[in-house]
Amino acid sequence: MKLHTTSTAGLNLFTAYGDDYVAVNHEKHEKNLIVLPESLRPGWSTANVATLQESDMQQLLGLGVEVILLGTGKRLRFPAPALMRPFAPAGIGLEVMDLQAACRTYNILASEGRKVAAALLFD
């Protein structure tokens, strides 16, 4: 079996994270944001999981990715089912997890060249 190293140069990857921050390519962020392999979108939403609105989720639907990792802060918390419903018919996977799990999973998928986004909500 041949193994090939994957170049991650030019990708946005998480280089550190904690309960109340993430670092993307060594740049610290402490407010809600969307991370894509090729871009960052700070200020995505002012909500937390309990106050997410349909407009917040509509922004995610328009990202052009195949998988969205919704990081819900220190703990895993699910948004209202009605907010998650539009993703499956659109052919977009929506995976809900705590913030740190979202960072780890994103790095793996982005390194594999997948069309992925991490939408992060801080408590």
PDB file of N, CA and C in Angstrom:
ATOM      1  N   MET A   1       0.840  -1.167   0.000  1.00  0.00           N
ATOM      2  CA  MET A   1       0.000   0.000   0.000  1.00  0.00           C
ATOM      3  C   MET A   1       0.888   1.233   0.000  1.00  0.00           C
ATOM      4  N   LYS A   2       0.582   2.163  -0.877  1.00  0.00           N
ATOM      5  CA  LYS A   2       1.331   3.411  -0.915  1.00  0.00           C
ATOM      6  C   LYS A   2       0.610   4.451  -0.073  1.00  0.00           C
ATOM      7  N   LEU A   3       1.374   5.158   0.704  1.00  0.00           N
ATOM      8  CA  LEU A   3       0.835   6.261   1.479  1.00  0.00           C
ATOM      9  C   LEU A   3       1.393   7.556   0.924  1.00  0.00           C
ATOM     10  N   HIS A   4       0.553   8.536   0.822  1.00  0.00           N
ATOM     11  CA  HIS A   4       0.965   9.835   0.309  1.00  0.00           C
ATOM     12  C   HIS A   4       0.709  10.886   1.373  1.00  0.00           C
ATOM     13  N   THR A   5       1.635  11.785   1.502  1.00  0.00           N
ATOM     14  CA  THR A   5       1.387  12.890   2.420  1.00  0.00           C
ATOM     15  C   THR A   5       0.484  13.900   1.727  1.00  0.00           C
ATOM     16  N   THR A   6      -0.362  14.498   2.499  1.00  0.00           N
ATOM     17  CA  THR A   6      -1.289  15.484   1.980  1.00  0.00           C
ATOM     18  C   THR A   6      -0.796  16.866   2.347  1.00  0.00           C
ATOM     19  N   SER A   7      -0.751  17.735   1.376  1.00  0.00           N
ATOM     20  CA  SER A   7      -0.355  19.108   1.646  1.00  0.00           C
ATOM     21  C   SER A   7      -1.570  19.883   2.138  1.00  0.00           C
ATOM     22  N   THR A   8      -1.406  20.533   3.272  1.00  0.00           N
ATOM     23  CA  THR A   8      -2.488  21.357   3.799  1.00  0.00           C
ATOM     24  C   THR A   8      -2.149  22.837   3.683  1.00  0.00           C
ATOM     25  N   ALA A   9      -1.117  23.147   2.925  1.00  0.00           N
ATOM     26  CA  ALA A   9      -0.724  24.551   2.742  1.00  0.00           C
ATOM     27  C   ALA A   9      -1.882  25.323   2.130  1.00  0.00           C
ATOM     28  N   GLY A  10      -2.151  26.477   2.673  1.00  0.00           N
ATOM     29  CA  GLY A  10      -3.213  27.321   2.156  1.00  0.00           C
ATOM     30  C   GLY A  10      -4.587  27.032   2.723  1.00  0.00           C
ATOM     31  N   LEU A  11      -4.726  25.970   3.508  1.00  0.00           N
ATOM     32  CA  LEU A  11      -6.016  25.650   4.115  1.00  0.00           C
ATOM     33  C   LEU A  11      -6.150  26.320   5.471  1.00  0.00           C
ATOM     34  N   ASN A  12      -7.354  26.691   5.809  1.00  0.00           N
ATOM     35  CA  ASN A  12      -7.635  27.126   7.173  1.00  0.00           C
ATOM     36  C   ASN A  12      -7.806  25.885   8.031  1.00  0.00           C
ATOM     37  N   LEU A  13      -6.958  25.740   9.028  1.00  0.00           N
ATOM     38  CA  LEU A  13      -7.041  24.614   9.956  1.00  0.00           C
ATOM     39  C   LEU A  13      -6.985  25.134  11.380  1.00  0.00           C
ATOM     40  N   PHE A  14      -7.617  24.409  12.275  1.00  0.00           N
ATOM     41  CA  PHE A  14      -7.559  24.771  13.688  1.00  0.00           C
ATOM     42  C   PHE A  14      -6.198  24.369  14.239  1.00  0.00           C
ATOM     43  N   THR A  15      -5.534  25.317  14.866  1.00  0.00           N
ATOM     44  CA  THR A  15      -4.217  25.053  15.444  1.00  0.00           C
ATOM     45  C   THR A  15      -4.268  25.007  16.961  1.00  0.00           C
ATOM     46  N   ALA A  16      -5.371  25.438  17.549  1.00  0.00           N
ATOM     47  CA  ALA A  16      -5.578  25.345  19.000  1.00  0.00           C
ATOM     48  C   ALA A  16      -7.053  25.596  19.279  1.00  0.00           C
ATOM     49  N   TYR A  17      -7.510  25.108  20.422  1.00  0.00           N
ATOM     50  CA  TYR A  17      -8.877  25.390  20.846  1.00  0.00           C
ATOM     51  C   TYR A  17      -9.001  25.147  22.338  1.00  0.00           C
ATOM     52  N   GLY A  18      -9.988  25.790  22.920  1.00  0.00           N
ATOM     53  CA  GLY A  18     -10.318  25.633  24.329  1.00  0.00           C
ATOM     54  C   GLY A  18     -11.816  25.805  24.479  1.00  0.00           C
ATOM     55  N   ASP A  19     -12.285  25.921  25.708  1.00  0.00           N
ATOM     56  CA  ASP A  19     -13.722  26.067  25.929  1.00  0.00           C
ATOM     57  C   ASP A  19     -14.279  27.367  25.369  1.00  0.00           C
ATOM     58  N   ASP A  20     -13.466  28.416  25.311  1.00  0.00           N
ATOM     59  CA  ASP A  20     -13.989  29.725  24.924  1.00  0.00           C
ATOM     60  C   ASP A  20     -13.203  30.396  23.798  1.00  0.00           C
ATOM     61  N   TYR A  21     -12.455  29.615  23.045  1.00  0.00           N
ATOM     62  CA  TYR A  21     -11.711  30.188  21.911  1.00  0.00           C
ATOM     63  C   TYR A  21     -11.317  29.084  20.946  1.00  0.00           C
ATOM     64  N   VAL A  22     -10.981  29.496  19.731  1.00  0.00           N
ATOM     65  CA  VAL A  22     -10.313  28.631  18.759  1.00  0.00           C
ATOM     66  C   VAL A  22      -9.212  29.460  18.123  1.00  0.00           C
ATOM     67  N   ALA A  23      -8.210  28.798  17.600  1.00  0.00           N
ATOM     68  CA  ALA A  23      -7.189  29.467  16.801  1.00  0.00           C
ATOM     69  C   ALA A  23      -7.195  28.809  15.427  1.00  0.00           C
ATOM     70  N   VAL A  24      -7.331  29.627  14.407  1.00  0.00           N
ATOM     71  CA  VAL A  24      -7.287  29.158  13.025  1.00  0.00           C
ATOM     72  C   VAL A  24      -6.003  29.700  12.432  1.00  0.00           C
ATOM     73  N   ASN A  25      -5.135  28.784  12.015  1.00  0.00           N
ATOM     74  CA  ASN A  25      -3.810  29.171  11.516  1.00  0.00           C
ATOM     75  C   ASN A  25      -3.131  30.133  12.490  1.00  0.00           C
ATOM     76  N   HIS A  26      -3.215  29.805  13.759  1.00  0.00           N
ATOM     77  CA  HIS A  26      -2.576  30.532  14.868  1.00  0.00           C
ATOM     78  C   HIS A  26      -3.214  31.886  15.176  1.00  0.00           C
ATOM     79  N   GLU A  27      -4.349  32.209  14.579  1.00  0.00           N
ATOM     80  CA  GLU A  27      -5.063  33.456  14.874  1.00  0.00           C
ATOM     81  C   GLU A  27      -6.248  33.132  15.784  1.00  0.00           C
ATOM     82  N   LYS A  28      -6.286  33.756  16.955  1.00  0.00           N
ATOM     83  CA  LYS A  28      -7.285  33.445  17.976  1.00  0.00           C
ATOM     84  C   LYS A  28      -8.634  34.109  17.669  1.00  0.00           C
ATOM     85  N   HIS A  29      -9.715  33.336  17.876  1.00  0.00           N
ATOM     86  CA  HIS A  29     -11.087  33.821  17.690  1.00  0.00           C
ATOM     87  C   HIS A  29     -11.897  33.443  18.922  1.00  0.00           C
ATOM     88  N   GLU A  30     -12.701  34.389  19.404  1.00  0.00           N
ATOM     89  CA  GLU A  30     -13.506  34.157  20.606  1.00  0.00           C
ATOM     90  C   GLU A  30     -14.983  34.454  20.386  1.00  0.00           C
ATOM     91  N   LYS A  31     -15.375  34.666  19.150  1.00  0.00           N
ATOM     92  CA  LYS A  31     -16.775  34.947  18.821  1.00  0.00           C
ATOM     93  C   LYS A  31     -17.215  34.020  17.703  1.00  0.00           C
ATOM     94  N   ASN A  32     -18.520  33.856  17.572  1.00  0.00           N
ATOM     95  CA  ASN A  32     -19.091  32.966  16.571  1.00  0.00           C
ATOM     96  C   ASN A  32     -18.492  33.230  15.192  1.00  0.00           C
ATOM     97  N   LEU A  33     -18.200  32.142  14.496  1.00  0.00           N
ATOM     98  CA  LEU A  33     -17.668  32.280  13.143  1.00  0.00           C
ATOM     99  C   LEU A  33     -17.885  31.020  12.339  1.00  0.00           C
ATOM    100  N   ILE A  34     -17.733  31.160  11.038  1.00  0.00           N
ATOM    101  CA  ILE A  34     -17.755  30.032  10.110  1.00  0.00           C
ATOM    102  C   ILE A  34     -16.347  29.891   9.562  1.00  0.00           C
ATOM    103  N   VAL A  35     -15.849  28.658   9.568  1.00  0.00           N
ATOM    104  CA  VAL A  35     -14.523  28.368   9.021  1.00  0.00           C
ATOM    105  C   VAL A  35     -14.700  27.446   7.824  1.00  0.00           C
ATOM    106  N   LEU A  36     -14.177  27.874   6.698  1.00  0.00           N
ATOM    107  CA  LEU A  36     -14.138  27.076   5.476  1.00  0.00           C
ATOM    108  C   LEU A  36     -12.676  26.870   5.120  1.00  0.00           C
ATOM    109  N   PRO A  37     -12.356  25.837   4.354  1.00  0.00           N
ATOM    110  CA  PRO A  37     -10.948  25.613   4.014  1.00  0.00           C
ATOM    111  C   PRO A  37     -10.274  26.831   3.382  1.00  0.00           C
ATOM    112  N   GLU A  38     -11.025  27.624   2.615  1.00  0.00           N
ATOM    113  CA  GLU A  38     -10.419  28.744   1.900  1.00  0.00           C
ATOM    114  C   GLU A  38     -10.773  30.115   2.463  1.00  0.00           C
ATOM    115  N   SER A  39     -11.670  30.180   3.448  1.00  0.00           N
ATOM    116  CA  SER A  39     -12.047  31.492   3.989  1.00  0.00           C
ATOM    117  C   SER A  39     -12.597  31.388   5.406  1.00  0.00           C
ATOM    118  N   LEU A  40     -12.607  32.531   6.076  1.00  0.00           N
ATOM    119  CA  LEU A  40     -13.201  32.671   7.406  1.00  0.00           C
ATOM    120  C   LEU A  40     -14.337  33.671   7.307  1.00  0.00           C
ATOM    121  N   ARG A  41     -15.386  33.427   8.063  1.00  0.00           N
ATOM    122  CA  ARG A  41     -16.503  34.366   8.111  1.00  0.00           C
ATOM    123  C   ARG A  41     -16.817  34.690   9.566  1.00  0.00           C
ATOM    124  N   PRO A  42     -16.071  35.638  10.128  1.00  0.00           N
ATOM    125  CA  PRO A  42     -16.347  36.022  11.515  1.00  0.00           C
ATOM    126  C   PRO A  42     -17.691  36.738  11.617  1.00  0.00           C
ATOM    127  N   GLY A  43     -18.265  36.722  12.811  1.00  0.00           N
ATOM    128  CA  GLY A  43     -19.527  37.413  13.022  1.00  0.00           C
ATOM    129  C   GLY A  43     -20.712  36.733  12.380  1.00  0.00           C
ATOM    130  N   TRP A  44     -20.628  35.410  12.185  1.00  0.00           N
ATOM    131  CA  TRP A  44     -21.710  34.673  11.512  1.00  0.00           C
ATOM    132  C   TRP A  44     -23.055  34.908  12.195  1.00  0.00           C
ATOM    133  N   SER A  45     -23.119  34.783  13.483  1.00  0.00           N
ATOM    134  CA  SER A  45     -24.381  34.916  14.199  1.00  0.00           C
ATOM    135  C   SER A  45     -24.085  35.440  15.589  1.00  0.00           C
ATOM    136  N   THR A  46     -25.030  36.134  16.162  1.00  0.00           N
ATOM    137  CA  THR A  46     -24.865  36.578  17.546  1.00  0.00           C
ATOM    138  C   THR A  46     -25.574  35.623  18.500  1.00  0.00           C
ATOM    139  N   ALA A  47     -26.123  34.559  17.965  1.00  0.00           N
ATOM    140  CA  ALA A  47     -26.941  33.638  18.746  1.00  0.00           C
ATOM    141  C   ALA A  47     -26.109  32.597  19.479  1.00  0.00           C
ATOM    142  N   ASN A  48     -26.773  31.929  20.416  1.00  0.00           N
ATOM    143  CA  ASN A  48     -26.282  30.665  20.954  1.00  0.00           C
ATOM    144  C   ASN A  48     -27.257  29.606  20.443  1.00  0.00           C
ATOM    145  N   VAL A  49     -27.084  28.365  20.834  1.00  0.00           N
ATOM    146  CA  VAL A  49     -27.925  27.302  20.281  1.00  0.00           C
ATOM    147  C   VAL A  49     -29.406  27.566  20.545  1.00  0.00           C
ATOM    148  N   ALA A  50     -29.730  28.032  21.727  1.00  0.00           N
ATOM    149  CA  ALA A  50     -31.132  28.246  22.097  1.00  0.00           C
ATOM    150  C   ALA A  50     -31.783  29.382  21.318  1.00  0.00           C
ATOM    151  N   THR A  51     -30.988  30.310  20.815  1.00  0.00           N
ATOM    152  CA  THR A  51     -31.566  31.479  20.139  1.00  0.00           C
ATOM    153  C   THR A  51     -31.266  31.525  18.638  1.00  0.00           C
ATOM    154  N   LEU A  52     -30.766  30.425  18.082  1.00  0.00           N
ATOM    155  CA  LEU A  52     -30.532  30.386  16.634  1.00  0.00           C
ATOM    156  C   LEU A  52     -31.823  30.670  15.879  1.00  0.00           C
ATOM    157  N   GLN A  53     -31.700  31.380  14.789  1.00  0.00           N
ATOM    158  CA  GLN A  53     -32.844  31.741  13.957  1.00  0.00           C
ATOM    159  C   GLN A  53     -32.734  31.050  12.598  1.00  0.00           C
ATOM    160  N   GLU A  54     -33.842  31.007  11.895  1.00  0.00           N
ATOM    161  CA  GLU A  54     -33.849  30.441  10.552  1.00  0.00           C
ATOM    162  C   GLU A  54     -32.853  31.169   9.651  1.00  0.00           C
ATOM    163  N   SER A  55     -32.716  32.478   9.815  1.00  0.00           N
ATOM    164  CA  SER A  55     -31.780  33.244   8.980  1.00  0.00           C
ATOM    165  C   SER A  55     -30.328  32.809   9.210  1.00  0.00           C
ATOM    166  N   ASP A  56     -29.991  32.423  10.448  1.00  0.00           N
ATOM    167  CA  ASP A  56     -28.645  31.910  10.729  1.00  0.00           C
ATOM    168  C   ASP A  56     -28.397  30.623   9.947  1.00  0.00           C
ATOM    169  N   MET A  57     -29.389  29.754   9.939  1.00  0.00           N
ATOM    170  CA  MET A  57     -29.242  28.471   9.264  1.00  0.00           C
ATOM    171  C   MET A  57     -29.273  28.632   7.745  1.00  0.00           C
ATOM    172  N   GLN A  58     -30.022  29.615   7.246  1.00  0.00           N
ATOM    173  CA  GLN A  58     -30.049  29.872   5.806  1.00  0.00           C
ATOM    174  C   GLN A  58     -28.664  30.254   5.295  1.00  0.00           C
ATOM    175  N   GLN A  59     -27.922  30.991   6.094  1.00  0.00           N
ATOM    176  CA  GLN A  59     -26.551  31.339   5.701  1.00  0.00           C
ATOM    177  C   GLN A  59     -25.716  30.077   5.524  1.00  0.00           C
ATOM    178  N   LEU A  60     -25.925  29.092   6.386  1.00  0.00           N
ATOM    179  CA  LEU A  60     -25.172  27.838   6.282  1.00  0.00           C
ATOM    180  C   LEU A  60     -25.568  27.064   5.032  1.00  0.00           C
ATOM    181  N   LEU A  61     -26.845  27.065   4.707  1.00  0.00           N
ATOM    182  CA  LEU A  61     -27.313  26.345   3.516  1.00  0.00           C
ATOM    183  C   LEU A  61     -26.688  26.884   2.234  1.00  0.00           C
ATOM    184  N   GLY A  62     -26.316  28.146   2.214  1.00  0.00           N
ATOM    185  CA  GLY A  62     -25.758  28.757   1.010  1.00  0.00           C
ATOM    186  C   GLY A  62     -24.248  28.677   0.884  1.00  0.00           C
ATOM    187  N   LEU A  63     -23.588  27.897   1.727  1.00  0.00           N
ATOM    188  CA  LEU A  63     -22.121  27.853   1.709  1.00  0.00           C
ATOM    189  C   LEU A  63     -21.531  27.015   0.576  1.00  0.00           C
ATOM    190  N   GLY A  64     -22.323  26.147  -0.032  1.00  0.00           N
ATOM    191  CA  GLY A  64     -21.807  25.315  -1.114  1.00  0.00           C
ATOM    192  C   GLY A  64     -20.902  24.190  -0.644  1.00  0.00           C
ATOM    193  N   VAL A  65     -21.187  23.649   0.536  1.00  0.00           N
ATOM    194  CA  VAL A  65     -20.385  22.554   1.080  1.00  0.00           C
ATOM    195  C   VAL A  65     -21.232  21.289   1.174  1.00  0.00           C
ATOM    196  N   GLU A  66     -20.571  20.159   1.411  1.00  0.00           N
ATOM    197  CA  GLU A  66     -21.311  18.906   1.553  1.00  0.00           C
ATOM    198  C   GLU A  66     -21.559  18.536   3.011  1.00  0.00           C
ATOM    199  N   VAL A  67     -20.760  19.080   3.919  1.00  0.00           N
ATOM    200  CA  VAL A  67     -20.908  18.780   5.346  1.00  0.00           C
ATOM    201  C   VAL A  67     -20.705  20.056   6.151  1.00  0.00           C
ATOM    202  N   ILE A  68     -21.601  20.287   7.105  1.00  0.00           N
ATOM    203  CA  ILE A  68     -21.461  21.401   8.044  1.00  0.00           C
ATOM    204  C   ILE A  68     -21.360  20.824   9.447  1.00  0.00           C
ATOM    205  N   LEU A  69     -20.320  21.221  10.150  1.00  0.00           N
ATOM    206  CA  LEU A  69     -20.120  20.816  11.534  1.00  0.00           C
ATOM    207  C   LEU A  69     -20.548  21.982  12.408  1.00  0.00           C
ATOM    208  N   LEU A  70     -21.622  21.798  13.147  1.00  0.00           N
ATOM    209  CA  LEU A  70     -22.130  22.855  14.019  1.00  0.00           C
ATOM    210  C   LEU A  70     -21.571  22.629  15.416  1.00  0.00           C
ATOM    211  N   GLY A  71     -20.618  23.460  15.802  1.00  0.00           N
ATOM    212  CA  GLY A  71     -20.018  23.386  17.132  1.00  0.00           C
ATOM    213  C   GLY A  71     -20.832  24.232  18.091  1.00  0.00           C
ATOM    214  N   THR A  72     -21.340  23.602  19.150  1.00  0.00           N
ATOM    215  CA  THR A  72     -22.323  24.265  20.013  1.00  0.00           C
ATOM    216  C   THR A  72     -21.752  24.737  21.344  1.00  0.00           C
ATOM    217  N   GLY A  73     -20.476  24.998  21.405  1.00  0.00           N
ATOM    218  CA  GLY A  73     -19.873  25.488  22.644  1.00  0.00           C
ATOM    219  C   GLY A  73     -19.272  24.365  23.464  1.00  0.00           C
ATOM    220  N   LYS A  74     -19.198  24.567  24.760  1.00  0.00           N
ATOM    221  CA  LYS A  74     -18.554  23.598  25.661  1.00  0.00           C
ATOM    222  C   LYS A  74     -19.277  22.260  25.691  1.00  0.00           C
ATOM    223  N   ARG A  75     -20.591  22.304  25.487  1.00  0.00           N
ATOM    224  CA  ARG A  75     -21.400  21.090  25.558  1.00  0.00           C
ATOM    225  C   ARG A  75     -22.150  20.876  24.256  1.00  0.00           C
ATOM    226  N   LEU A  76     -22.450  19.621  23.986  1.00  0.00           N
ATOM    227  CA  LEU A  76     -23.289  19.271  22.845  1.00  0.00           C
ATOM    228  C   LEU A  76     -24.730  19.659  23.168  1.00  0.00           C
ATOM    229  N   ARG A  77     -25.290  20.516  22.348  1.00  0.00           N
ATOM    230  CA  ARG A  77     -26.689  20.919  22.464  1.00  0.00           C
ATOM    231  C   ARG A  77     -27.257  21.014  21.061  1.00  0.00           C
ATOM    232  N   PHE A  78     -28.448  20.507  20.881  1.00  0.00           N
ATOM    233  CA  PHE A  78     -29.051  20.494  19.552  1.00  0.00           C
ATOM    234  C   PHE A  78     -29.960  21.698  19.339  1.00  0.00           C
ATOM    235  N   PRO A  79     -29.914  22.280  18.139  1.00  0.00           N
ATOM    236  CA  PRO A  79     -30.878  23.333  17.808  1.00  0.00           C
ATOM    237  C   PRO A  79     -32.275  22.724  17.654  1.00  0.00           C
ATOM    238  N   ALA A  80     -33.262  23.569  17.552  1.00  0.00           N
ATOM    239  CA  ALA A  80     -34.632  23.105  17.330  1.00  0.00           C
ATOM    240  C   ALA A  80     -34.684  22.256  16.056  1.00  0.00           C
ATOM    241  N   PRO A  81     -35.436  21.148  16.080  1.00  0.00           N
ATOM    242  CA  PRO A  81     -35.514  20.276  14.900  1.00  0.00           C
ATOM    243  C   PRO A  81     -35.912  21.010  13.618  1.00  0.00           C
ATOM    244  N   ALA A  82     -36.797  21.978  13.720  1.00  0.00           N
ATOM    245  CA  ALA A  82     -37.232  22.714  12.523  1.00  0.00           C
ATOM    246  C   ALA A  82     -36.071  23.442  11.857  1.00  0.00           C
ATOM    247  N   LEU A  83     -35.077  23.849  12.632  1.00  0.00           N
ATOM    248  CA  LEU A  83     -33.917  24.540  12.060  1.00  0.00           C
ATOM    249  C   LEU A  83     -32.989  23.579  11.320  1.00  0.00           C
ATOM    250  N   MET A  84     -32.989  22.320  11.720  1.00  0.00           N
ATOM    251  CA  MET A  84     -32.092  21.335  11.095  1.00  0.00           C
ATOM    252  C   MET A  84     -32.732  20.654   9.887  1.00  0.00           C
ATOM    253  N   ARG A  85     -34.042  20.681   9.804  1.00  0.00           N
ATOM    254  CA  ARG A  85     -34.783  19.944   8.785  1.00  0.00           C
ATOM    255  C   ARG A  85     -34.391  20.262   7.343  1.00  0.00           C
ATOM    256  N   PRO A  86     -34.114  21.498   6.946  1.00  0.00           N
ATOM    257  CA  PRO A  86     -33.844  21.791   5.528  1.00  0.00           C
ATOM    258  C   PRO A  86     -32.538  21.212   4.976  1.00  0.00           C
ATOM    259  N   PHE A  87     -31.644  20.743   5.817  1.00  0.00           N
ATOM    260  CA  PHE A  87     -30.328  20.329   5.338  1.00  0.00           C
ATOM    261  C   PHE A  87     -30.357  19.018   4.554  1.00  0.00           C
ATOM    262  N   ALA A  88     -31.061  18.014   5.030  1.00  0.00           N
ATOM    263  CA  ALA A  88     -31.093  16.721   4.337  1.00  0.00           C
ATOM    264  C   ALA A  88     -31.663  16.842   2.926  1.00  0.00           C
ATOM    265  N   PRO A  89     -32.825  17.493   2.728  1.00  0.00           N
ATOM    266  CA  PRO A  89     -33.331  17.627   1.356  1.00  0.00           C
ATOM    267  C   PRO A  89     -32.383  18.395   0.433  1.00  0.00           C
ATOM    268  N   ALA A  90     -31.556  19.258   1.013  1.00  0.00           N
ATOM    269  CA  ALA A  90     -30.588  20.025   0.215  1.00  0.00           C
ATOM    270  C   ALA A  90     -29.323  19.220  -0.070  1.00  0.00           C
ATOM    271  N   GLY A  91     -29.238  18.001   0.471  1.00  0.00           N
ATOM    272  CA  GLY A  91     -28.060  17.165   0.246  1.00  0.00           C
ATOM    273  C   GLY A  91     -26.853  17.594   1.050  1.00  0.00           C
ATOM    274  N   ILE A  92     -27.090  18.272   2.169  1.00  0.00           N
ATOM    275  CA  ILE A  92     -26.004  18.762   3.022  1.00  0.00           C
ATOM    276  C   ILE A  92     -26.080  18.052   4.364  1.00  0.00           C
ATOM    277  N   GLY A  93     -24.982  17.435   4.756  1.00  0.00           N
ATOM    278  CA  GLY A  93     -24.923  16.819   6.071  1.00  0.00           C
ATOM    279  C   GLY A  93     -24.732  17.885   7.133  1.00  0.00           C
ATOM    280  N   LEU A  94     -25.526  17.822   8.190  1.00  0.00           N
ATOM    281  CA  LEU A  94     -25.381  18.731   9.324  1.00  0.00           C
ATOM    282  C   LEU A  94     -25.074  17.882  10.540  1.00  0.00           C
ATOM    283  N   GLU A  95     -23.880  18.019  11.055  1.00  0.00           N
ATOM    284  CA  GLU A  95     -23.446  17.260  12.226  1.00  0.00           C
ATOM    285  C   GLU A  95     -23.296  18.222  13.392  1.00  0.00           C
ATOM    286  N   VAL A  96     -23.967  17.932  14.485  1.00  0.00           N
ATOM    287  CA  VAL A  96     -23.940  18.790  15.664  1.00  0.00           C
ATOM    288  C   VAL A  96     -23.029  18.147  16.701  1.00  0.00           C
ATOM    289  N   MET A  97     -22.110  18.937  17.258  1.00  0.00           N
ATOM    290  CA  MET A  97     -21.156  18.426  18.247  1.00  0.00           C
ATOM    291  C   MET A  97     -20.646  19.574  19.094  1.00  0.00           C
ATOM    292  N   ASP A  98     -19.925  19.249  20.155  1.00  0.00           N
ATOM    293  CA  ASP A  98     -19.347  20.335  20.947  1.00  0.00           C
ATOM    294  C   ASP A  98     -18.233  21.008  20.142  1.00  0.00           C
ATOM    295  N   LEU A  99     -17.816  22.162  20.622  1.00  0.00           N
ATOM    296  CA  LEU A  99     -16.856  22.992  19.894  1.00  0.00           C
ATOM    297  C   LEU A  99     -15.552  22.256  19.590  1.00  0.00           C
ATOM    298  N   GLN A 100     -14.997  21.572  20.581  1.00  0.00           N
ATOM    299  CA  GLN A 100     -13.706  20.915  20.384  1.00  0.00           C
ATOM    300  C   GLN A 100     -13.806  19.754  19.406  1.00  0.00           C
ATOM    301  N   ALA A 101     -14.889  18.988  19.465  1.00  0.00           N
ATOM    302  CA  ALA A 101     -15.081  17.892  18.510  1.00  0.00           C
ATOM    303  C   ALA A 101     -15.244  18.437  17.091  1.00  0.00           C
ATOM    304  N   ALA A 102     -15.927  19.567  16.960  1.00  0.00           N
ATOM    305  CA  ALA A 102     -16.093  20.179  15.636  1.00  0.00           C
ATOM    306  C   ALA A 102     -14.741  20.582  15.051  1.00  0.00           C
ATOM    307  N   CYS A 103     -13.861  21.121  15.885  1.00  0.00           N
ATOM    308  CA  CYS A 103     -12.527  21.520  15.415  1.00  0.00           C
ATOM    309  C   CYS A 103     -11.727  20.311  14.937  1.00  0.00           C
ATOM    310  N   ARG A 104     -11.722  19.257  15.730  1.00  0.00           N
ATOM    311  CA  ARG A 104     -10.960  18.055  15.358  1.00  0.00           C
ATOM    312  C   ARG A 104     -11.499  17.436  14.070  1.00  0.00           C
ATOM    313  N   THR A 105     -12.818  17.311  13.992  1.00  0.00           N
ATOM    314  CA  THR A 105     -13.439  16.688  12.823  1.00  0.00           C
ATOM    315  C   THR A 105     -13.215  17.532  11.572  1.00  0.00           C
ATOM    316  N   TYR A 106     -13.348  18.838  11.705  1.00  0.00           N
ATOM    317  CA  TYR A 106     -13.108  19.739  10.579  1.00  0.00           C
ATOM    318  C   TYR A 106     -11.694  19.544  10.031  1.00  0.00           C
ATOM    319  N   ASN A 107     -10.696  19.521  10.901  1.00  0.00           N
ATOM    320  CA  ASN A 107      -9.311  19.377  10.435  1.00  0.00           C
ATOM    321  C   ASN A 107      -9.125  18.113   9.614  1.00  0.00           C
ATOM    322  N   ILE A 108      -9.727  17.025  10.045  1.00  0.00           N
ATOM    323  CA  ILE A 108      -9.607  15.764   9.302  1.00  0.00           C
ATOM    324  C   ILE A 108     -10.254  15.899   7.929  1.00  0.00           C
ATOM    325  N   LEU A 109     -11.489  16.376   7.901  1.00  0.00           N
ATOM    326  CA  LEU A 109     -12.209  16.472   6.627  1.00  0.00           C
ATOM    327  C   LEU A 109     -11.567  17.480   5.676  1.00  0.00           C
ATOM    328  N   ALA A 110     -11.150  18.622   6.187  1.00  0.00           N
ATOM    329  CA  ALA A 110     -10.499  19.625   5.336  1.00  0.00           C
ATOM    330  C   ALA A 110      -9.185  19.087   4.779  1.00  0.00           C
ATOM    331  N   SER A 111      -8.445  18.357   5.593  1.00  0.00           N
ATOM    332  CA  SER A 111      -7.170  17.783   5.140  1.00  0.00           C
ATOM    333  C   SER A 111      -7.376  16.735   4.061  1.00  0.00           C
ATOM    334  N   GLU A 112      -8.549  16.101   4.052  1.00  0.00           N
ATOM    335  CA  GLU A 112      -8.882  15.120   3.018  1.00  0.00           C
ATOM    336  C   GLU A 112      -9.403  15.780   1.744  1.00  0.00           C
ATOM    337  N   GLY A 113      -9.531  17.102   1.755  1.00  0.00           N
ATOM    338  CA  GLY A 113     -10.025  17.812   0.581  1.00  0.00           C
ATOM    339  C   GLY A 113     -11.535  17.865   0.478  1.00  0.00           C
ATOM    340  N   ARG A 114     -12.238  17.548   1.560  1.00  0.00           N
ATOM    341  CA  ARG A 114     -13.699  17.567   1.540  1.00  0.00           C
ATOM    342  C   ARG A 114     -14.223  18.999   1.570  1.00  0.00           C
ATOM    343  N   LYS A 115     -15.406  19.194   1.030  1.00  0.00           N
ATOM    344  CA  LYS A 115     -16.088  20.494   1.086  1.00  0.00           C
ATOM    345  C   LYS A 115     -16.814  20.561   2.426  1.00  0.00           C
ATOM    346  N   VAL A 116     -16.154  21.179   3.400  1.00  0.00           N
ATOM    347  CA  VAL A 116     -16.640  21.183   4.775  1.00  0.00           C
ATOM    348  C   VAL A 116     -16.642  22.600   5.327  1.00  0.00           C
ATOM    349  N   ALA A 117     -17.533  22.841   6.263  1.00  0.00           N
ATOM    350  CA  ALA A 117     -17.553  24.110   6.998  1.00  0.00           C
ATOM    351  C   ALA A 117     -17.750  23.797   8.468  1.00  0.00           C
ATOM    352  N   ALA A 118     -17.102  24.573   9.313  1.00  0.00           N
ATOM    353  CA  ALA A 118     -17.347  24.515  10.753  1.00  0.00           C
ATOM    354  C   ALA A 118     -18.050  25.812  11.130  1.00  0.00           C
ATOM    355  N   ALA A 119     -19.258  25.689  11.641  1.00  0.00           N
ATOM    356  CA  ALA A 119     -20.022  26.846  12.120  1.00  0.00           C
ATOM    357  C   ALA A 119     -19.974  26.784  13.638  1.00  0.00           C
ATOM    358  N   LEU A 120     -19.282  27.734  14.238  1.00  0.00           N
ATOM    359  CA  LEU A 120     -18.983  27.652  15.666  1.00  0.00           C
ATOM    360  C   LEU A 120     -19.753  28.683  16.471  1.00  0.00           C
ATOM    361  N   LEU A 121     -20.383  28.192  17.527  1.00  0.00           N
ATOM    362  CA  LEU A 121     -21.103  29.035  18.479  1.00  0.00           C
ATOM    363  C   LEU A 121     -20.379  28.958  19.810  1.00  0.00           C
ATOM    364  N   PHE A 122     -20.047  30.093  20.358  1.00  0.00           N
ATOM    365  CA  PHE A 122     -19.401  30.136  21.668  1.00  0.00           C
ATOM    366  C   PHE A 122     -20.464  30.405  22.721  1.00  0.00           C
ATOM    367  N   ASP A 123     -20.284  29.827  23.889  1.00  0.00           N
ATOM    368  CA  ASP A 123     -21.251  30.038  24.984  1.00  0.00           C
ATOM    369  C   ASP A 123     -21.230  31.469  25.442  1.00  0.00           C
TER     370      ASP A 123
END
